[in-house]
């Protein structure tokens, strides 16, 4: 069904914005990964992709969310964001993911893509601030793709995100479609919604909304309202993988995961150094749900040196790789707590991450025998090895 995908794009997305995405997102990815491989050969640590949490301010309190700072909301200063991006550009990085909290609450959000017109930005949002003004600005900029969080139909989505959220999010996506903007949907798969969100009817619904891509995540029970009952079982993760392959064959939409490589083997992007996270504290963290850092981007610090010389990040990579190919947060929360406590890092969550991890029960992750199914589509095998989240870095 991907043969029909170009037709859908041409029907729903502005030709100017398609060209921008191809020129600023797809084309530079190959250059980004070549530069990353050269750094690996030199023993350097600096990922090809970055997650930047601009603020921990948010208008929602979703179950299982790790962003729940108890004090006044923090923001990552615009000058710091600029220095991070400039450092990335000097090393071939051109794609940056902006998230929160809720990034549309960040006062200088649109100044970032405006300052860096040679880069492409993905903004992950809960979708409640996609009013006419925001949509107009996104269209005018041209170097932004919006990834809207939606966790199923109205009942399932609103049970996790709040009453009335589904209707507002859908209306926001309709505005994006009317404006011809390239956007995607981020869906978290839980024990409660897996049958629905991995079904054909849901994917058809996402296609009708005009989304160009659908990005699936597996639920991780973290944060003050962890809701461990929503975590997937090993059988559910195996079913998740099988359904992805089936949905990819049947629907004209790009379906993304960052859990399995082209051979179906589990991967952890942070353990492989494919992507790190910088939170509102300026701390350089392994991944967004793991709010712990030993190294911080200070006003006069060298971003590359801060990352490359990080003992904490290198030790985390070794620790995670030795424990599992999957998610160490899910599979080994107690051992992860021990690692963090013995490290030189500090908690950046504003809560007590080590205590939360110790209170967690171990859960299966995507590293299961049932999930090791190779991609059966030549197109997706190519995409996995070339584009999807830099999987070409090892594929």
Protein backbone atom coordinates (compact mmCIF):
# COMPACT_ATOMS: atom_id res chain seq x y z
CA UNK A 1 0.00 0.00 0.00
CA UNK A 2 2.99 2.35 0.22
CA UNK A 3 2.69 2.62 -3.56
CA UNK A 4 -0.35 4.84 -2.91
CA UNK A 5 1.51 6.90 -0.32
CA UNK A 6 2.84 9.55 -2.76
CA UNK A 7 -0.71 10.10 -4.00
CA UNK A 8 -1.92 10.71 -0.43
CA UNK A 9 0.93 13.15 0.21
CA UNK A 10 0.22 15.12 -2.95
CA UNK A 11 -3.46 15.31 -2.04
CA UNK A 12 -2.97 16.41 1.57
CA UNK A 13 0.36 18.26 1.83
CA UNK A 14 1.46 21.53 0.27
CA UNK A 15 4.04 20.93 -2.51
CA UNK A 16 6.25 23.63 -0.96
CA UNK A 17 6.21 21.86 2.41
CA UNK A 18 6.89 18.49 0.79
CA UNK A 19 9.91 19.96 -0.95
CA UNK A 20 11.13 21.48 2.32
CA UNK A 21 10.81 18.12 4.08
CA UNK A 22 12.67 16.30 1.33
CA UNK A 23 15.45 18.90 1.13
CA UNK A 24 15.91 19.60 4.86
CA UNK A 25 14.89 16.29 6.48
CA UNK A 26 15.31 13.31 4.17
CA UNK A 27 18.34 14.39 2.11
CA UNK A 28 20.54 15.53 5.02
CA UNK A 29 19.84 12.31 6.97
CA UNK A 30 22.33 10.42 4.81
CA UNK A 31 25.00 13.07 5.44
CA UNK A 32 24.19 13.09 9.16
CA UNK A 33 24.70 9.35 9.43
CA UNK A 34 27.94 9.35 7.49
CA UNK A 35 29.32 11.97 9.87
CA UNK A 36 28.10 9.91 12.83
CA UNK A 37 29.86 6.79 11.57
CA UNK A 38 33.11 8.73 11.20
CA UNK A 39 32.79 9.91 14.81
CA UNK A 40 32.27 6.31 15.92
CA UNK A 41 35.46 5.28 14.13
CA UNK A 42 37.31 7.94 16.11
CA UNK A 43 35.72 6.85 19.39
CA UNK A 44 33.74 10.09 19.67
CA UNK A 45 30.35 10.30 21.36
CA UNK A 46 27.92 12.74 19.78
CA UNK A 47 24.57 11.46 18.47
CA UNK A 48 23.09 12.21 15.05
CA UNK A 49 19.70 13.14 16.55
CA UNK A 50 18.70 15.21 19.56
CA UNK A 51 15.61 15.49 21.76
CA UNK A 52 15.30 18.95 23.31
CA UNK A 53 12.71 19.38 26.06
CA UNK A 54 12.11 23.11 25.97
CA UNK A 55 9.98 23.30 29.11
CA UNK A 56 8.33 21.08 31.68
CA UNK A 57 5.21 23.26 31.65
CA UNK A 58 2.15 21.32 30.50
CA UNK A 59 -1.60 21.81 30.53
CA UNK A 60 -2.29 18.06 30.91
CA UNK A 61 -1.46 15.40 33.50
CA UNK A 62 -1.34 12.18 31.50
CA UNK A 63 -0.98 8.82 33.19
CA UNK A 64 2.52 7.41 32.88
CA UNK A 65 4.11 10.75 31.97
CA UNK A 66 7.59 11.43 33.38
CA UNK A 67 7.18 15.23 33.18
CA UNK A 68 5.75 16.30 36.52
CA UNK A 69 8.02 18.93 37.99
CA UNK A 70 6.77 20.04 41.44
CA UNK A 71 8.03 23.63 41.28
CA UNK A 72 7.52 26.50 38.83
CA UNK A 73 7.96 25.32 35.22
CA UNK A 74 11.54 25.46 33.96
CA UNK A 75 12.55 26.48 30.45
CA UNK A 76 15.64 25.78 28.39
CA UNK A 77 16.95 29.26 27.50
CA UNK A 78 16.75 30.14 23.82
CA UNK A 79 20.46 30.96 23.71
CA UNK A 80 21.22 27.47 25.05
CA UNK A 81 18.96 25.88 22.44
CA UNK A 82 20.76 27.88 19.75
CA UNK A 83 24.17 26.76 20.96
CA UNK A 84 23.10 23.10 21.01
CA UNK A 85 21.74 23.31 17.47
CA UNK A 86 24.78 25.21 16.20
CA UNK A 87 27.06 22.57 17.70
CA UNK A 88 24.98 19.85 16.07
CA UNK A 89 25.11 21.57 12.69
CA UNK A 90 28.90 21.74 12.82
CA UNK A 91 28.81 17.94 13.08
CA UNK A 92 26.29 17.32 10.34
CA UNK A 93 23.10 17.19 12.42
CA UNK A 94 20.09 18.77 10.75
CA UNK A 95 17.07 17.13 12.46
CA UNK A 96 15.99 18.06 15.99
CA UNK A 97 12.95 16.97 18.00
CA UNK A 98 11.40 19.62 20.25
CA UNK A 99 9.18 18.45 23.09
CA UNK A 100 8.16 19.26 26.65
CA UNK A 101 6.05 19.26 28.75
CA UNK A 102 4.07 21.00 26.07
CA UNK A 103 6.43 22.78 23.64
CA UNK A 104 3.75 25.17 22.43
CA UNK A 105 3.87 26.72 25.92
CA UNK A 106 7.51 27.67 25.31
CA UNK A 107 7.47 31.42 24.61
CA UNK A 108 10.19 31.34 21.92
CA UNK A 109 9.19 28.12 20.16
CA UNK A 110 8.78 29.51 16.65
CA UNK A 111 11.99 31.55 16.86
CA UNK A 112 13.94 28.27 16.85
CA UNK A 113 13.01 27.09 13.33
CA UNK A 114 13.06 30.71 12.21
CA UNK A 115 16.70 31.07 13.32
CA UNK A 116 17.73 27.73 11.82
CA UNK A 117 16.14 27.59 8.40
CA UNK A 118 18.75 25.06 7.26
CA UNK A 119 17.40 22.52 9.79
CA UNK A 120 14.19 20.52 10.10
CA UNK A 121 12.28 20.28 13.37
CA UNK A 122 9.77 17.82 14.71
CA UNK A 123 7.51 19.28 17.41
CA UNK A 124 5.79 16.71 19.63
CA UNK A 125 2.60 18.22 21.04
CA UNK A 126 -0.58 17.20 22.81
CA UNK A 127 -2.42 19.09 20.06
CA UNK A 128 -4.50 21.41 22.23
CA UNK A 129 -2.81 24.62 21.04
CA UNK A 130 -3.06 24.04 17.30
CA UNK A 131 -5.22 27.08 16.71
CA UNK A 132 -5.38 29.06 13.47
CA UNK A 133 -2.44 31.28 14.43
CA UNK A 134 -0.15 28.34 15.29
CA UNK A 135 -1.09 26.51 12.10
CA UNK A 136 -0.39 29.63 10.03
CA UNK A 137 3.04 30.04 11.60
CA UNK A 138 3.91 26.38 10.98
CA UNK A 139 2.92 26.69 7.35
CA UNK A 140 4.85 29.93 6.87
CA UNK A 141 8.02 28.49 8.41
CA UNK A 142 8.03 25.35 6.29
CA UNK A 143 10.76 23.51 8.22
CA UNK A 144 8.53 22.01 10.92
CA UNK A 145 6.59 18.76 11.10
CA UNK A 146 4.07 18.35 13.90
CA UNK A 147 3.73 15.04 15.76
CA UNK A 148 0.41 14.98 17.62
CA UNK A 149 -0.17 12.63 20.55
CA UNK A 150 -3.32 10.50 20.27
CA UNK A 151 -3.79 7.24 22.14
CA UNK A 152 -6.79 5.66 20.44
CA UNK A 153 -10.45 6.55 20.13
CA UNK A 154 -12.22 8.98 22.41
CA UNK A 155 -12.72 6.59 25.34
CA UNK A 156 -9.16 5.21 25.43
CA UNK A 157 -7.46 8.52 24.71
CA UNK A 158 -9.41 10.54 27.25
CA UNK A 159 -9.01 7.87 29.95
CA UNK A 160 -5.27 8.58 29.88
CA UNK A 161 -5.13 12.22 28.78
CA UNK A 162 -8.26 13.81 30.18
CA UNK A 163 -11.92 14.31 29.32
CA UNK A 164 -12.58 16.24 26.12
CA UNK A 165 -9.00 16.01 24.86
CA UNK A 166 -9.78 13.70 21.93
CA UNK A 167 -12.25 16.08 20.29
CA UNK A 168 -9.90 19.07 20.59
CA UNK A 169 -6.93 17.13 19.22
CA UNK A 170 -8.88 15.87 16.22
CA UNK A 171 -10.01 19.41 15.43
CA UNK A 172 -6.39 20.58 15.62
CA UNK A 173 -5.34 17.91 13.13
CA UNK A 174 -8.12 18.94 10.79
CA UNK A 175 -6.69 22.46 10.83
CA UNK A 176 -3.28 21.04 9.95
CA UNK A 177 -4.77 19.10 7.05
CA UNK A 178 -6.67 22.09 5.69
CA UNK A 179 -3.42 24.08 5.74
CA UNK A 180 -1.55 21.34 3.86
CA UNK A 181 0.96 20.75 6.67
CA UNK A 182 3.05 17.59 6.92
CA UNK A 183 2.18 16.03 10.28
CA UNK A 184 2.11 12.70 12.07
CA UNK A 185 0.39 11.01 14.97
CA UNK A 186 2.21 9.57 18.00
CA UNK A 187 0.31 6.70 19.60
CA UNK A 188 1.34 5.01 22.83
CA UNK A 189 0.37 1.33 22.86
CA UNK A 190 -0.89 0.16 26.26
CA UNK A 191 -2.41 -3.01 27.66
CA UNK A 192 -5.75 -1.22 27.53
CA UNK A 193 -5.73 0.13 23.98
CA UNK A 194 -3.51 -2.30 22.02
CA UNK A 195 -6.36 -4.05 20.25
CA UNK A 196 -7.83 -0.76 19.10
CA UNK A 197 -4.73 1.23 18.10
CA UNK A 198 -3.13 -1.71 16.29
CA UNK A 199 -6.30 -2.32 14.31
CA UNK A 200 -7.05 -1.44 10.71
CA UNK A 201 -9.94 0.85 11.63
CA UNK A 202 -7.68 3.07 13.74
CA UNK A 203 -5.03 3.37 11.02
CA UNK A 204 -7.71 4.21 8.44
CA UNK A 205 -9.00 6.90 10.81
CA UNK A 206 -5.49 8.39 11.10
CA UNK A 207 -5.18 8.36 7.30
CA UNK A 208 -8.51 10.18 6.92
CA UNK A 209 -7.29 12.88 9.30
CA UNK A 210 -4.48 13.54 6.83
CA UNK A 211 -1.48 12.30 8.83
CA UNK A 212 1.60 11.47 6.75
CA UNK A 213 3.07 9.12 9.34
CA UNK A 214 2.05 7.15 12.42
CA UNK A 215 4.66 6.71 15.15
CA UNK A 216 4.05 3.95 17.71
CA UNK A 217 5.51 3.86 21.22
CA UNK A 218 5.25 1.15 23.85
CA UNK A 219 3.92 2.31 27.21
CA UNK A 220 6.48 2.79 30.00
CA UNK A 221 5.12 3.02 33.55
CA UNK A 222 7.12 5.99 34.83
CA UNK A 223 6.46 9.18 36.75
CA UNK A 224 4.33 9.82 39.83
CA UNK A 225 1.25 8.17 38.24
CA UNK A 226 3.01 5.20 36.68
CA UNK A 227 -0.10 3.04 36.12
CA UNK A 228 1.83 -0.27 35.77
CA UNK A 229 -1.38 -2.05 34.78
CA UNK A 230 -1.06 -0.35 31.39
CA UNK A 231 2.34 -1.94 30.66
CA UNK A 232 2.47 -4.47 27.83
CA UNK A 233 3.11 -8.15 28.49
CA UNK A 234 5.70 -10.10 26.51
CA UNK A 235 2.92 -11.60 24.41
CA UNK A 236 1.53 -8.12 23.74
CA UNK A 237 4.94 -6.87 22.59
CA UNK A 238 5.18 -9.87 20.26
CA UNK A 239 1.71 -9.09 18.92
CA UNK A 240 2.69 -5.43 18.59
CA UNK A 241 5.57 -6.37 16.29
CA UNK A 242 3.46 -8.72 14.16
CA UNK A 243 0.70 -6.16 13.78
CA UNK A 244 3.17 -3.48 12.68
CA UNK A 245 4.25 -5.62 9.75
CA UNK A 246 0.66 -6.35 8.78
CA UNK A 247 -0.42 -2.71 9.01
CA UNK A 248 2.54 -1.61 6.89
CA UNK A 249 1.43 -3.92 4.12
CA UNK A 250 -2.16 -2.70 4.18
CA UNK A 251 -2.18 1.07 4.60
CA UNK A 252 -0.80 4.05 2.59
CA UNK A 253 0.91 5.70 5.54
CA UNK A 254 4.46 5.45 6.88
CA UNK A 255 4.34 3.52 10.16
CA UNK A 256 7.37 4.19 12.35
CA UNK A 257 8.84 2.45 15.34
CA UNK A 258 12.27 2.89 16.93
CA UNK A 259 12.24 -0.45 18.72
CA UNK A 260 13.34 -2.98 16.11
CA UNK A 261 15.92 -2.91 13.34
CA UNK A 262 15.45 -4.27 9.82
CA UNK A 263 16.13 -7.80 11.09
CA UNK A 264 13.56 -7.49 13.86
CA UNK A 265 16.11 -7.32 16.66
CA UNK A 266 15.46 -4.99 19.57
CA UNK A 267 17.44 -1.78 19.89
CA UNK A 268 17.80 1.02 22.42
CA UNK A 269 18.75 4.30 20.65
CA UNK A 270 20.36 5.73 23.80
CA UNK A 271 22.49 2.63 24.39
CA UNK A 272 23.74 2.89 20.82
CA UNK A 273 24.37 6.63 21.02
CA UNK A 274 21.83 7.40 18.29
CA UNK A 275 20.01 10.04 20.29
CA UNK A 276 20.30 11.80 23.65
CA UNK A 277 17.98 14.17 25.48
CA UNK A 278 18.57 17.62 26.95
CA UNK A 279 15.94 18.68 29.45
CA UNK A 280 14.86 22.09 30.74
CA UNK A 281 17.58 21.89 33.41
CA UNK A 282 20.21 21.77 30.66
CA UNK A 283 21.17 18.26 31.72
CA UNK A 284 22.32 15.83 29.03
CA UNK A 285 20.28 12.68 29.69
CA UNK A 286 20.23 9.26 27.99
CA UNK A 287 16.56 9.53 26.96
CA UNK A 288 13.46 11.64 27.75
CA UNK A 289 11.96 9.33 30.46
CA UNK A 290 15.29 9.06 32.29
CA UNK A 291 15.64 12.43 34.03
CA UNK A 292 19.14 12.02 35.38
CA UNK A 293 22.31 13.83 34.30
CA UNK A 294 25.91 14.39 35.28
CA UNK A 295 26.72 16.89 32.54
CA UNK A 296 24.98 20.20 31.89
CA UNK A 297 25.04 22.70 29.06
CA UNK A 298 26.30 25.83 30.80
CA UNK A 299 26.42 29.37 29.31
CA UNK A 300 30.04 29.02 28.22
CA UNK A 301 30.39 25.27 27.87
CA UNK A 302 31.48 23.47 24.71
CA UNK A 303 28.47 21.31 23.78
CA UNK A 304 30.49 18.75 21.83
CA UNK A 305 33.10 18.39 24.59
CA UNK A 306 30.41 18.15 27.27
CA UNK A 307 28.80 15.20 25.50
CA UNK A 308 31.90 13.51 24.13
CA UNK A 309 33.71 13.58 27.48
CA UNK A 310 30.70 12.44 29.53
CA UNK A 311 31.67 9.50 31.73
CA UNK A 312 28.03 9.14 32.76
CA UNK A 313 26.69 8.71 29.22
CA UNK A 314 29.41 6.25 28.27
CA UNK A 315 28.88 4.25 31.45
CA UNK A 316 25.12 4.21 30.81
CA UNK A 317 25.67 2.86 27.30
CA UNK A 318 27.82 0.06 28.67
CA UNK A 319 25.38 -0.70 31.50
CA UNK A 320 22.29 -0.77 29.26
CA UNK A 321 23.97 -2.82 26.53
CA UNK A 322 25.08 -5.45 29.04
CA UNK A 323 21.62 -5.81 30.55
CA UNK A 324 19.33 -5.99 27.52
CA UNK A 325 18.83 -5.06 23.88
CA UNK A 326 15.49 -3.61 24.94
CA UNK A 327 14.47 -1.00 27.51
CA UNK A 328 16.42 -1.11 30.76
CA UNK A 329 13.81 1.14 32.42
CA UNK A 330 11.20 -1.57 31.92
CA UNK A 331 13.27 -4.71 32.38
CA UNK A 332 15.76 -3.73 35.09
CA UNK A 333 14.39 -0.80 37.14
CA UNK A 334 16.09 -1.87 40.39
CA UNK A 335 19.49 -2.34 38.77
CA UNK A 336 19.06 0.94 36.91
CA UNK A 337 18.36 2.66 40.25
CA UNK A 338 21.60 1.17 41.62
CA UNK A 339 23.52 2.39 38.58
CA UNK A 340 22.15 5.92 38.85
CA UNK A 341 22.77 6.10 42.59
CA UNK A 342 26.39 5.01 42.17
CA UNK A 343 27.02 7.41 39.27
CA UNK A 344 28.19 11.02 39.42
CA UNK A 345 24.83 12.18 38.11
CA UNK A 346 21.92 13.88 39.83
CA UNK A 347 18.17 13.70 39.59
CA UNK A 348 16.70 16.32 37.25
CA UNK A 349 13.06 15.20 37.56
CA UNK A 350 12.37 17.34 40.65
CA UNK A 351 11.00 14.23 42.36
CA UNK A 352 12.93 11.11 43.41
CA UNK A 353 13.60 9.07 40.29
CA UNK A 354 15.71 6.45 42.09
CA UNK A 355 12.94 5.85 44.61
CA UNK A 356 10.36 5.58 41.80
CA UNK A 357 12.52 3.03 39.99
CA UNK A 358 12.99 0.97 43.14
CA UNK A 359 9.22 0.92 43.65
CA UNK A 360 8.65 -0.24 40.06
CA UNK A 361 8.15 -3.87 39.11
CA UNK A 362 10.11 -5.28 36.22
CA UNK A 363 8.11 -5.48 32.99
CA UNK A 364 8.79 -7.06 29.60
CA UNK A 365 10.05 -4.76 26.87
CA UNK A 366 10.36 -5.09 23.10
CA UNK A 367 13.35 -7.44 23.47
CA UNK A 368 11.46 -10.73 23.33
CA UNK A 369 11.83 -13.81 21.12
CA UNK A 370 8.26 -13.26 19.89
CA UNK A 371 9.16 -9.81 18.55
CA UNK A 372 12.23 -10.82 16.52
CA UNK A 373 10.53 -10.82 13.13
CA UNK A 374 12.45 -9.30 10.19
CA UNK A 375 10.87 -6.59 8.10
CA UNK A 376 9.17 -8.29 5.15
CA UNK A 377 8.90 -5.19 2.99
CA UNK A 378 11.85 -4.10 0.86
CA UNK A 379 10.79 -0.49 1.26
CA UNK A 380 10.73 -0.66 5.05
CA UNK A 381 13.98 -2.60 5.18
CA UNK A 382 15.55 0.23 3.18
CA UNK A 383 13.96 2.90 5.38
CA UNK A 384 15.07 1.16 8.55
CA UNK A 385 18.62 1.04 7.29
CA UNK A 386 18.69 4.57 5.90
CA UNK A 387 16.24 6.92 7.58
CA UNK A 388 14.21 5.75 10.55
CA UNK A 389 15.76 7.49 13.51
CA UNK A 390 19.21 6.90 12.15
CA UNK A 391 18.90 3.14 12.24
CA UNK A 392 21.31 3.13 9.31
CA UNK A 393 23.97 3.90 11.87
CA UNK A 394 24.17 0.20 12.58
CA UNK A 395 21.83 -1.48 10.09
